[in-house]
Amino acid sequence: MSSATTSLIRFVSITLLASLAGCSDDPAPPPVDAGTPVDTGKPADVVDNDTPAPADVPLPSDVPAGECGSISAEVAAHVTEMSTMGWGALNRSRGMMMHGCAGAARPQDCLATVPLADDTNIGANRSAITGAHLRLLYSSNTRSGFWTRSSADGRFVGRSTRMRDLAREADITAAGAMYDPAFYPDNSGFMYQPGGRNCPMSALTTGTPTSVAITGMGSPCTGSSASLYQHLAASLDGGDYWASSAGTAAWDDGGHSPTLTETPRNERWTATAQTSITLMANTGAGFTNVGSRSVSTPLQGDGVISPSSRLLITRFVDEAGDYQGYVLHRLQASRTGSAVMASVRELARYCVQGAKPGFSFDERFIAYHHYIGGGPTADADARELGFTGSEDPGFAEYSTQGAANVYIMDLRTGRPIRVTNMAPGQYALYPHFRSDGWIYFLVRTLGTQREQVIASDAALLTP
């Protein structure tokens, strides 16, 4: 990398990436189809503390991309630190009871009584990793929209606007919510959109609820300036709570119809693209909004904050707008009173295709899904599945019905590992970690309303 390029990147890290963007000025993203979520605005109880970006900060028309495969030594150092100080270690030290782990000596021994996936649901040979297990957490005959996420202890699964209490085998309706369930890594609360509604976990754990009011009179939830596609984090010292909002995003609701490639963006990812970081405070009785700051993420979108709030991962495109992979950033976010400060610095660039990344609680891995069947990766995807290429007759059903597989990637090495081996028309989607390293994901199958939530121990078996 030339000294001129290094200087420009350093300037962007220090100056441009610390610029502010007023949340109240964020336009509602245009829908890509009738099912696309649209931000309906913030509730009246939200107060923004953003100020506009300084007029004297130049916005470059083009920002040089980093090199594919470049991984800073800082990544391995961070992973080492998080192995003993991250939210996975903190939750263990605090005695968090993980779902399905009673009597288990190790996380790998959890969920032993949960039935394995078989031919009565998603198929018996859908694991792509020898020795790994895919376990059926539950099936539903109701169709969901957009993503699925679970609580840190793995007990609650938010699938669209339905919460599943796996301990009670009961559904809880998120009344007034529309999409985007997310949970804090310390198991203190959860959030729904629109309006960035923060709710305490006690709303799910007190009594035997069948419905929780996310909005309206009597709701235990409060609004925030966190916008669509939010992901949640908590400072390791227990002080502040954070959310990243994608801003420019790729609304991803694949698998209801043939989906052969990663889903399109809601708007172009340009050199002036930004990701919003929102700060909340936990009063003990609930969450209050503090304010937001936007960081510049040129030619990037779909930003996801890590559980510790110390990393941010985005997807990036080339100048033609084609997806290229992921960028890992060091995120420095702090506050003085209600003034929020934030900046990012690139640590790594991984040129692998996928969507919807989610961090493990030790921040060693991300999990993501990847659509197959068409587009520029079709030949490589076909060969990975054992075919000669996308023209192989055996791959023909994938070319018409599509599919999606789940992957994990070690951030230290950038090596992707395929977790699932889905059949044509089967979509393994929205993988995410619970605190002990188990991965949950959703399976949709073309031609049916039925959906399954599956657990995998793949990351726990990766040396």
Protein backbone atom coordinates (compact mmCIF):
# COMPACT_ATOMS: atom_id res chain seq x y z
CA MET A 1 0.00 0.00 0.00
CA SER A 2 1.43 3.38 -0.97
CA SER A 3 2.20 6.08 1.58
CA ALA A 4 -0.36 8.34 -0.12
CA THR A 5 -3.07 5.70 0.25
CA THR A 6 -2.10 5.12 3.88
CA SER A 7 -2.28 8.84 4.60
CA LEU A 8 -5.72 9.13 3.03
CA ILE A 9 -7.08 6.19 4.97
CA ARG A 10 -5.60 7.61 8.18
CA PHE A 11 -7.29 10.96 7.43
CA VAL A 12 -10.62 9.26 6.83
CA SER A 13 -10.28 7.29 10.09
CA ILE A 14 -9.52 10.33 12.19
CA THR A 15 -11.61 13.02 10.55
CA LEU A 16 -14.37 11.87 8.23
CA LEU A 17 -15.34 8.80 10.21
CA ALA A 18 -15.95 10.91 13.30
CA SER A 19 -18.48 13.15 11.48
CA LEU A 20 -22.03 13.38 12.77
CA ALA A 21 -25.29 12.71 10.98
CA GLY A 22 -28.63 13.87 12.40
CA CYS A 23 -30.88 10.84 12.92
CA SER A 24 -34.02 12.90 12.40
CA ASP A 25 -32.83 13.59 8.84
CA ASP A 26 -32.42 9.91 7.88
CA PRO A 27 -34.84 9.20 5.03
CA ALA A 28 -37.12 6.20 5.29
CA PRO A 29 -35.62 3.56 3.02
CA PRO A 30 -37.66 2.87 -0.13
CA PRO A 31 -39.17 -0.62 -0.32
CA VAL A 32 -37.81 -3.09 -2.84
CA ASP A 33 -41.08 -5.00 -2.82
CA ALA A 34 -44.40 -5.03 -1.02
CA GLY A 35 -42.93 -6.87 1.97
CA THR A 36 -40.02 -4.51 2.61
CA PRO A 37 -39.97 -2.83 6.03
CA VAL A 38 -40.17 0.96 6.02
CA ASP A 39 -39.13 3.08 8.96
CA THR A 40 -42.34 4.75 10.10
CA GLY A 41 -40.54 7.35 12.20
CA LYS A 42 -39.45 7.72 15.80
CA PRO A 43 -41.90 7.79 18.71
CA ALA A 44 -42.56 11.09 20.44
CA ASP A 45 -40.55 10.16 23.54
CA VAL A 46 -37.23 10.08 21.63
CA VAL A 47 -34.86 13.02 21.93
CA ASP A 48 -31.91 13.12 19.50
CA ASN A 49 -28.57 14.59 20.52
CA ASP A 50 -27.01 14.54 17.08
CA THR A 51 -25.64 17.62 15.38
CA PRO A 52 -24.86 18.00 11.65
CA ALA A 53 -21.46 17.12 10.28
CA PRO A 54 -19.07 20.08 10.30
CA ALA A 55 -19.17 21.93 6.99
CA ASP A 56 -15.37 22.05 6.74
CA VAL A 57 -14.93 18.25 6.64
CA PRO A 58 -14.43 17.25 2.98
CA LEU A 59 -16.33 14.24 1.66
CA PRO A 60 -14.14 12.41 -0.86
CA SER A 61 -15.73 11.35 -4.13
CA ASP A 62 -13.88 8.05 -3.95
CA VAL A 63 -12.23 6.16 -1.11
CA PRO A 64 -9.56 3.54 -1.95
CA ALA A 65 -10.59 0.04 -0.89
CA GLY A 66 -8.35 -2.08 1.32
CA GLU A 67 -6.76 -5.24 0.03
CA CYS A 68 -8.72 -8.50 -0.06
CA GLY A 69 -7.46 -10.89 2.57
CA SER A 70 -5.65 -8.23 4.58
CA ILE A 71 -6.04 -9.01 8.30
CA SER A 72 -4.34 -6.92 10.97
CA ALA A 73 -2.56 -8.66 13.83
CA GLU A 74 -4.88 -6.61 16.02
CA VAL A 75 -7.71 -9.02 15.12
CA ALA A 76 -6.01 -12.02 16.75
CA ALA A 77 -5.10 -9.88 19.77
CA HIS A 78 -8.72 -8.81 20.14
CA VAL A 79 -9.99 -12.40 19.88
CA THR A 80 -7.49 -13.50 22.53
CA GLU A 81 -8.65 -10.73 24.84
CA MET A 82 -12.33 -11.51 24.30
CA SER A 83 -11.81 -15.22 25.02
CA THR A 84 -11.43 -14.33 28.71
CA MET A 85 -12.98 -10.86 28.92
CA GLY A 86 -15.79 -10.86 26.32
CA TRP A 87 -19.49 -11.43 26.89
CA GLY A 88 -19.19 -15.19 26.53
CA ALA A 89 -16.71 -15.32 29.43
CA LEU A 90 -18.62 -12.72 31.47
CA ASN A 91 -21.90 -14.58 31.13
CA ARG A 92 -20.22 -17.82 32.22
CA SER A 93 -18.64 -16.14 35.24
CA ARG A 94 -22.02 -14.73 36.23
CA GLY A 95 -23.64 -18.15 36.08
CA MET A 96 -25.96 -17.54 33.13
CA MET A 97 -28.17 -20.60 32.77
CA MET A 98 -28.08 -21.65 29.13
CA HIS A 99 -31.17 -23.25 27.63
CA GLY A 100 -30.87 -27.03 27.38
CA CYS A 101 -27.67 -27.25 29.42
CA ALA A 102 -28.88 -28.71 32.72
CA GLY A 103 -26.29 -31.28 33.79
CA ALA A 104 -24.03 -30.60 30.82
CA ALA A 105 -20.31 -30.55 31.58
CA ARG A 106 -19.42 -28.59 28.43
CA PRO A 107 -21.34 -26.42 25.95
CA GLN A 108 -20.96 -29.24 23.40
CA ASP A 109 -23.06 -31.43 25.71
CA CYS A 110 -26.00 -29.00 25.75
CA LEU A 111 -29.29 -29.65 23.92
CA ALA A 112 -28.60 -33.40 24.10
CA THR A 113 -32.31 -34.15 24.57
CA VAL A 114 -33.35 -32.00 21.61
CA PRO A 115 -34.07 -34.25 18.60
CA LEU A 116 -31.70 -34.27 15.66
CA ALA A 117 -32.94 -32.94 12.34
CA ASP A 118 -34.21 -35.77 10.16
CA ASP A 119 -36.24 -36.55 7.07
CA THR A 120 -39.49 -35.54 8.78
CA ASN A 121 -38.32 -31.90 8.86
CA ILE A 122 -35.26 -30.51 7.02
CA GLY A 123 -33.52 -33.78 6.18
CA ALA A 124 -31.09 -36.06 7.98
CA ASN A 125 -27.89 -35.11 6.11
CA ARG A 126 -27.95 -31.37 6.12
CA SER A 127 -24.80 -30.93 8.21
CA ALA A 128 -21.73 -30.18 6.08
CA ILE A 129 -19.33 -30.81 8.98
CA THR A 130 -18.44 -34.33 10.07
CA GLY A 131 -19.36 -34.85 13.69
CA ALA A 132 -21.45 -31.67 13.97
CA HIS A 133 -25.08 -31.86 15.04
CA LEU A 134 -28.15 -30.07 13.73
CA ARG A 135 -30.95 -30.15 16.32
CA LEU A 136 -34.58 -29.19 15.75
CA LEU A 137 -35.52 -26.58 18.33
CA TYR A 138 -39.06 -26.16 17.03
CA SER A 139 -41.27 -26.05 13.94
CA SER A 140 -43.94 -23.50 13.12
CA ASN A 141 -46.72 -23.45 10.56
CA THR A 142 -46.67 -19.65 10.43
CA ARG A 143 -44.59 -17.76 7.90
CA SER A 144 -42.13 -15.15 9.21
CA GLY A 145 -40.57 -12.09 7.63
CA PHE A 146 -36.99 -10.89 7.71
CA TRP A 147 -34.64 -12.03 10.44
CA THR A 148 -34.58 -14.40 13.40
CA ARG A 149 -32.56 -13.75 16.58
CA SER A 150 -32.36 -15.34 20.06
CA SER A 151 -31.60 -14.25 23.61
CA ALA A 152 -28.08 -14.66 24.96
CA ASP A 153 -29.14 -17.69 27.02
CA GLY A 154 -30.81 -19.29 23.99
CA ARG A 155 -34.20 -19.56 25.70
CA PHE A 156 -36.14 -17.04 23.60
CA VAL A 157 -36.19 -16.94 19.81
CA GLY A 158 -37.55 -13.84 18.09
CA ARG A 159 -38.85 -14.90 14.68
CA SER A 160 -40.37 -11.84 13.09
CA THR A 161 -43.06 -10.64 15.56
CA ARG A 162 -43.37 -13.94 17.40
CA MET A 163 -41.21 -14.83 20.38
CA ARG A 164 -40.78 -18.51 21.12
CA ASP A 165 -40.11 -19.46 24.75
CA LEU A 166 -38.26 -22.74 24.27
CA ALA A 167 -38.46 -23.54 27.98
CA ARG A 168 -42.27 -23.37 27.97
CA GLU A 169 -42.68 -24.41 24.33
CA ALA A 170 -44.99 -21.41 23.98
CA ASP A 171 -45.29 -18.46 21.59
CA ILE A 172 -45.39 -14.84 22.78
CA THR A 173 -46.73 -12.19 20.41
CA ALA A 174 -44.75 -8.94 20.15
CA ALA A 175 -47.84 -6.72 19.91
CA GLY A 176 -47.26 -3.50 18.00
CA ALA A 177 -43.90 -4.61 16.58
CA MET A 178 -43.28 -5.04 12.87
CA TYR A 179 -39.82 -6.56 12.43
CA ASP A 180 -36.17 -6.86 13.52
CA PRO A 181 -36.02 -8.65 16.90
CA ALA A 182 -32.66 -8.21 18.65
CA PHE A 183 -31.31 -9.02 22.13
CA TYR A 184 -28.64 -7.50 24.37
CA PRO A 185 -25.61 -9.75 25.04
CA ASP A 186 -26.01 -9.57 28.83
CA ASN A 187 -29.61 -10.86 28.61
CA SER A 188 -30.96 -7.60 30.04
CA GLY A 189 -33.40 -6.75 27.29
CA PHE A 190 -34.47 -6.83 23.66
CA MET A 191 -35.49 -4.44 20.91
CA TYR A 192 -38.07 -4.30 18.12
CA GLN A 193 -38.81 -1.92 15.28
CA PRO A 194 -40.18 0.51 14.35
CA GLY A 195 -39.11 3.16 16.79
CA GLY A 196 -36.17 1.26 18.30
CA ARG A 197 -38.33 -0.03 21.16
CA ASN A 198 -36.20 -1.24 24.10
CA CYS A 199 -37.87 -3.78 26.37
CA PRO A 200 -36.65 -5.44 29.61
CA MET A 201 -36.25 -9.23 29.63
CA SER A 202 -38.63 -9.32 32.60
CA ALA A 203 -41.42 -8.72 30.08
CA LEU A 204 -40.78 -12.26 28.82
CA THR A 205 -39.77 -14.00 32.03
CA THR A 206 -42.40 -12.72 34.49
CA GLY A 207 -45.35 -15.09 34.67
CA THR A 208 -46.44 -16.97 31.55
CA PRO A 209 -47.12 -14.24 28.99
CA THR A 210 -48.70 -14.93 25.64
CA SER A 211 -48.29 -11.34 24.44
CA VAL A 212 -46.02 -8.37 25.23
CA ALA A 213 -47.03 -4.82 24.32
CA ILE A 214 -44.08 -3.36 22.45
CA THR A 215 -45.92 -0.05 21.93
CA GLY A 216 -48.90 1.77 23.42
CA MET A 217 -50.27 2.37 26.90
CA GLY A 218 -48.94 0.00 29.52
CA SER A 219 -45.96 -1.08 27.42
CA PRO A 220 -42.76 -1.72 29.42
CA CYS A 221 -40.75 -0.68 26.35
CA THR A 222 -39.26 2.73 25.54
CA GLY A 223 -38.29 4.26 22.21
CA SER A 224 -34.83 5.13 20.96
CA SER A 225 -33.18 6.62 17.91
CA ALA A 226 -31.92 3.17 16.80
CA SER A 227 -33.28 2.61 13.32
CA LEU A 228 -33.88 -0.42 11.10
CA TYR A 229 -31.66 -3.51 11.03
CA GLN A 230 -30.35 -2.79 14.50
CA HIS A 231 -27.84 -5.00 16.30
CA LEU A 232 -27.19 -4.65 20.01
CA ALA A 233 -24.11 -4.47 22.23
CA ALA A 234 -23.18 -3.66 25.81
CA SER A 235 -20.01 -2.17 27.23
CA LEU A 236 -17.98 -4.77 29.09
CA ASP A 237 -17.84 -2.58 32.17
CA GLY A 238 -21.64 -2.66 32.37
CA GLY A 239 -22.02 1.06 31.69
CA ASP A 240 -23.52 1.76 28.29
CA TYR A 241 -25.70 -0.07 25.78
CA TRP A 242 -25.26 0.38 22.05
CA ALA A 243 -27.04 -0.35 18.79
CA SER A 244 -25.82 -0.20 15.22
CA SER A 245 -28.33 0.62 12.49
CA ALA A 246 -27.65 -0.41 8.93
CA GLY A 247 -28.76 2.82 7.25
CA THR A 248 -28.20 1.69 3.68
CA ALA A 249 -29.05 -1.99 3.79
CA ALA A 250 -30.04 -5.00 1.73
CA TRP A 251 -33.51 -5.95 2.98
CA ASP A 252 -33.12 -9.70 3.21
CA ASP A 253 -36.29 -11.79 3.26
CA GLY A 254 -35.28 -14.56 0.89
CA GLY A 255 -36.61 -18.07 0.55
CA HIS A 256 -40.30 -17.23 0.18
CA SER A 257 -39.71 -17.48 -3.57
CA PRO A 258 -36.62 -18.65 -5.49
CA THR A 259 -33.70 -16.48 -4.33
CA LEU A 260 -30.57 -17.21 -6.34
CA THR A 261 -28.25 -14.38 -5.24
CA GLU A 262 -27.73 -12.01 -2.30
CA THR A 263 -30.66 -9.62 -2.08
CA PRO A 264 -30.48 -6.11 -3.60
CA ARG A 265 -29.72 -2.97 -1.60
CA ASN A 266 -32.38 -0.44 -0.70
CA GLU A 267 -30.12 2.29 -2.09
CA ARG A 268 -26.61 2.64 -3.49
CA TRP A 269 -23.65 2.21 -1.18
CA THR A 270 -21.55 5.23 -2.08
CA ALA A 271 -18.34 6.84 -0.85
CA THR A 272 -20.44 8.88 1.60
CA ALA A 273 -22.36 5.91 3.10
CA GLN A 274 -22.66 5.96 6.89
CA THR A 275 -23.56 3.61 9.74
CA SER A 276 -25.41 4.93 12.79
CA ILE A 277 -24.32 4.08 16.35
CA THR A 278 -26.94 4.73 19.05
CA LEU A 279 -26.31 4.90 22.80
CA MET A 280 -28.85 3.80 25.41
CA ALA A 281 -28.63 3.79 29.20
CA ASN A 282 -30.10 1.04 31.36
CA THR A 283 -31.67 2.60 34.45
CA GLY A 284 -32.49 -0.75 36.01
CA ALA A 285 -36.18 -0.10 35.42
CA GLY A 286 -35.75 0.21 31.65
CA PHE A 287 -33.72 1.82 28.89
CA THR A 288 -33.48 5.50 28.01
CA ASN A 289 -32.23 6.95 24.74
CA VAL A 290 -29.06 9.06 25.01
CA GLY A 291 -28.15 9.92 21.42
CA SER A 292 -26.56 8.78 18.18
CA ARG A 293 -23.47 9.37 16.12
CA SER A 294 -22.85 8.25 12.55
CA VAL A 295 -19.54 6.93 11.28
CA SER A 296 -18.56 6.92 7.64
CA THR A 297 -18.42 3.48 6.04
CA PRO A 298 -17.57 4.21 2.39
CA LEU A 299 -19.03 1.82 -0.20
CA GLN A 300 -20.41 -0.24 2.69
CA GLY A 301 -23.70 -1.06 4.39
CA ASP A 302 -25.44 -3.65 6.61
CA GLY A 303 -23.32 -2.64 9.62
CA VAL A 304 -23.33 -5.01 12.61
CA ILE A 305 -21.85 -4.13 16.02
CA SER A 306 -20.08 -6.82 18.07
CA PRO A 307 -21.41 -7.83 21.52
CA SER A 308 -18.65 -5.86 23.30
CA SER A 309 -19.26 -2.77 21.09
CA ARG A 310 -15.55 -2.82 20.14
CA LEU A 311 -15.93 -4.09 16.56
CA LEU A 312 -18.15 -3.24 13.61
CA ILE A 313 -18.48 -5.41 10.52
CA THR A 314 -19.99 -4.21 7.25
CA ARG A 315 -20.51 -5.55 3.77
CA PHE A 316 -18.75 -3.73 0.94
CA VAL A 317 -19.22 -3.28 -2.79
CA ASP A 318 -16.91 -2.29 -5.63
CA GLU A 319 -17.34 0.88 -7.66
CA ALA A 320 -19.83 -0.94 -9.92
CA GLY A 321 -21.98 -1.73 -6.87
CA ASP A 322 -21.29 -5.48 -6.85
CA TYR A 323 -20.99 -7.24 -3.49
CA GLN A 324 -17.40 -8.11 -2.60
CA GLY A 325 -17.38 -9.28 1.03
CA TYR A 326 -16.98 -7.91 4.56
CA VAL A 327 -14.92 -5.18 6.21
CA LEU A 328 -14.03 -5.51 9.91
CA HIS A 329 -13.50 -2.25 11.81
CA ARG A 330 -12.26 -1.31 15.24
CA LEU A 331 -15.10 0.74 16.71
CA GLN A 332 -14.34 3.33 19.36
CA ALA A 333 -17.60 4.59 20.84
CA SER A 334 -17.89 6.56 24.04
CA ARG A 335 -19.76 9.44 25.60
CA THR A 336 -19.38 12.41 27.84
CA GLY A 337 -22.78 12.97 29.40
CA SER A 338 -25.18 12.88 26.48
CA ALA A 339 -22.52 13.68 23.87
CA VAL A 340 -21.71 10.57 21.84
CA MET A 341 -18.33 10.12 20.18
CA ALA A 342 -17.55 7.37 17.67
CA SER A 343 -14.96 6.49 15.03
CA VAL A 344 -13.95 3.39 13.08
CA ARG A 345 -10.66 2.07 11.75
CA GLU A 346 -10.36 -0.80 9.27
CA LEU A 347 -8.77 -4.00 10.61
CA ALA A 348 -9.51 -6.59 7.92
CA ARG A 349 -11.18 -7.16 4.58
CA TYR A 350 -12.66 -10.59 3.82
CA CYS A 351 -13.63 -11.24 0.21
CA VAL A 352 -16.31 -13.88 0.72
CA GLN A 353 -19.91 -13.68 -0.39
CA GLY A 354 -22.68 -13.70 2.19
CA ALA A 355 -25.25 -11.68 4.09
CA LYS A 356 -26.56 -11.01 7.61
CA PRO A 357 -23.33 -11.55 9.61
CA GLY A 358 -23.55 -12.11 13.36
CA PHE A 359 -20.67 -12.22 15.88
CA SER A 360 -19.99 -15.01 18.34
CA PHE A 361 -19.89 -13.87 21.96
CA ASP A 362 -16.13 -14.47 22.11
CA GLU A 363 -15.88 -12.40 18.89
CA ARG A 364 -13.77 -15.04 17.16
CA PHE A 365 -16.35 -15.97 14.52
CA ILE A 366 -19.05 -14.49 12.41
CA ALA A 367 -21.92 -16.61 11.10
CA TYR A 368 -23.72 -15.69 7.89
CA HIS A 369 -25.87 -17.16 5.13
CA HIS A 370 -25.16 -17.24 1.41
CA TYR A 371 -27.67 -17.69 -1.41
CA ILE A 372 -26.75 -20.07 -4.21
CA GLY A 373 -28.11 -20.88 -7.65
CA GLY A 374 -27.18 -17.89 -9.80
CA GLY A 375 -25.08 -14.79 -10.16
CA PRO A 376 -21.30 -14.43 -10.31
CA THR A 377 -20.66 -17.06 -7.62
CA ALA A 378 -22.76 -19.81 -9.26
CA ASP A 379 -19.78 -21.78 -10.64
CA ALA A 380 -17.83 -21.62 -7.39
CA ASP A 381 -20.93 -22.57 -5.38
CA ALA A 382 -21.62 -25.54 -7.65
CA ARG A 383 -18.04 -26.78 -7.37
CA GLU A 384 -18.11 -26.41 -3.59
CA LEU A 385 -21.15 -28.72 -3.53
CA GLY A 386 -19.31 -31.31 -5.62
CA PHE A 387 -20.59 -30.46 -9.10
CA THR A 388 -18.39 -29.64 -12.09
CA GLY A 389 -19.89 -26.16 -12.37
CA SER A 390 -23.18 -24.30 -12.69
CA GLU A 391 -23.92 -26.07 -16.01
CA ASP A 392 -23.72 -29.50 -14.38
CA PRO A 393 -27.15 -31.19 -14.72
CA GLY A 394 -27.02 -32.04 -11.02
CA PHE A 395 -26.96 -28.34 -10.19
CA ALA A 396 -30.00 -27.55 -12.38
CA GLU A 397 -32.51 -27.59 -9.51
CA TYR A 398 -30.40 -25.09 -7.59
CA SER A 399 -30.39 -22.85 -10.67
CA THR A 400 -34.19 -22.71 -10.68
CA GLN A 401 -35.17 -23.14 -7.02
CA GLY A 402 -32.17 -21.56 -5.31
CA ALA A 403 -31.03 -22.37 -1.77
CA ALA A 404 -29.06 -20.84 1.09
CA ASN A 405 -26.38 -22.31 3.31
CA VAL A 406 -25.00 -21.18 6.66
CA TYR A 407 -21.28 -20.49 7.06
CA ILE A 408 -18.98 -19.53 9.91
CA MET A 409 -15.73 -17.65 9.44
CA ASP A 410 -12.81 -17.30 11.83
CA LEU A 411 -11.99 -13.58 11.86
CA ARG A 412 -8.31 -14.30 12.59
CA THR A 413 -7.79 -16.26 9.38
CA GLY A 414 -10.70 -15.31 7.11
CA ARG A 415 -11.33 -18.99 6.39
CA PRO A 416 -15.03 -19.72 5.74
CA ILE A 417 -16.50 -23.07 6.81
CA ARG A 418 -19.81 -24.25 5.40
CA VAL A 419 -22.13 -25.50 8.16
CA THR A 420 -25.11 -26.75 6.16
CA ASN A 421 -25.78 -28.72 3.01
CA MET A 422 -29.27 -27.60 2.04
CA ALA A 423 -31.27 -29.15 -0.80
CA PRO A 424 -32.64 -27.12 -3.73
CA GLY A 425 -35.49 -24.93 -2.50
CA GLN A 426 -34.26 -25.05 1.13
CA TYR A 427 -33.02 -21.86 2.75
CA ALA A 428 -30.91 -21.86 5.92
CA LEU A 429 -31.06 -18.21 7.01
CA TYR A 430 -30.20 -15.65 9.70
CA PRO A 431 -27.61 -17.62 11.72
CA HIS A 432 -26.71 -16.09 15.05
CA PHE A 433 -24.84 -17.17 18.16
CA ARG A 434 -26.03 -17.62 21.68
CA SER A 435 -23.58 -16.95 24.51
CA ASP A 436 -22.03 -20.43 24.74
CA GLY A 437 -21.22 -20.81 21.04
CA TRP A 438 -24.24 -22.72 19.75
CA ILE A 439 -25.66 -21.27 16.53
CA TYR A 440 -29.38 -20.93 15.84
CA PHE A 441 -30.77 -20.45 12.34
CA LEU A 442 -34.07 -20.54 10.46
CA VAL A 443 -34.98 -22.89 7.61
CA ARG A 444 -37.57 -21.97 4.98
CA THR A 445 -38.68 -24.39 2.27
CA LEU A 446 -40.30 -23.32 -1.00
CA GLY A 447 -43.93 -24.29 -1.39
CA THR A 448 -44.70 -24.55 2.32
CA GLN A 449 -45.57 -22.19 5.16
CA ARG A 450 -43.69 -24.34 7.62
CA GLU A 451 -40.45 -23.03 9.13
CA GLN A 452 -37.96 -24.70 11.45
CA VAL A 453 -35.48 -23.24 13.93
CA ILE A 454 -32.31 -25.33 14.08
CA ALA A 455 -29.34 -25.36 16.48
CA SER A 456 -25.79 -26.23 15.39
CA ASP A 457 -22.67 -26.93 17.45
CA ALA A 458 -20.36 -26.35 14.47
CA ALA A 459 -18.38 -23.48 16.01
CA LEU A 460 -17.83 -25.47 19.20
CA LEU A 461 -16.12 -28.23 17.20
CA THR A 462 -13.83 -25.89 15.24
CA PRO A 463 -10.26 -26.00 16.60
